Amino acid sequence: MASKPSQFADPMLPFLNDETAQTAPVSGKQPSYIVDHRQRLRARFMVGGAAAIPDYELLELVLFRAIPRRDVKPLARALMDEFGDFNRVISAASSRLRSISGVGDAVVTELKIIEAAAHRMARSKMMRTHVVSSWDALLDYCHTTMAHRETEQFRVLYLDRKNVIIADEEQGKGTVDHVPVYPREVAKRALELNASALILVHNHPSGDPTPSQNDIDMTQQIHNACNALGLTLHDHLIIGKSRELSFRAEGYL
């Protein structure tokens, strides 16, 4: 009688063969030490959750599907050494990920699926949320989606009269230290959405959220446009690697 497959068996994914083909034959059984390690790690995760395993083992769990037949611990360690933590690995640019030996399309695909899922979950928690009573959640969302980007991104959160988020929109992408922003377009979009208030958010890839003079001037221009249209500019948040800066708290608004 044929034995039942393990509930933790690794299926072969036809479109994710690149890393596997480089390092192991497509057919044949996995070495027992790899099978045992994967089963133990998955079981530990299912019992204890993410708190029961460190970042590099969580990364291993993600890599299991991309690389079904090889020990992925060395690759997980290499990625952690290069980028620092789990969040920075999944947020890294695809080109930088591919610079690591052993990373190909399959690994990049898996990592970017995890990143997209994290962003979508964080965004769903924020939409239709009262911002004033959920400020910490807003900051968590901004850090999740922007803190580890390697280029600047400028977003606007549009709020209704009750300070509930009705839209979260990207207004522009830029370079490592600049993103073009057009105050007139920001104000025009607020009118289209029938918004009553705005929160500006952008990231500094350098990690330092200290505003530049351009940041200050641009914020003042948007503030002036909002005043002319009867809109409220609640804040401008600059997101760094590990902390953020609030224009309102720092006296810029």
Foldseek 3Di string as FASTA:
>chain_A
DDDDDDPQAADQDVVLCVLQVVPHDPDDDAPPVQVVVSVVLVVQCVVPNPVRDAFLSVLVNLCCNNHVRDRCSVVSVVLCVVQPGNLLSLQPDPVVSVVRPSDDDSSNVSSPVVLVVQLVVLVVVQAQDQCVVCVVSVLVNLLSNAANHQWKWKWKFFAAPSNGTHDIDTQFTDGQADTDDDLVVVLVVNVVVVGQEMEMEMEHNVQDQDDDVVRLVVVVSNCVSCVVVNHYYPWYWYHGNPDIDTCVVVVSD
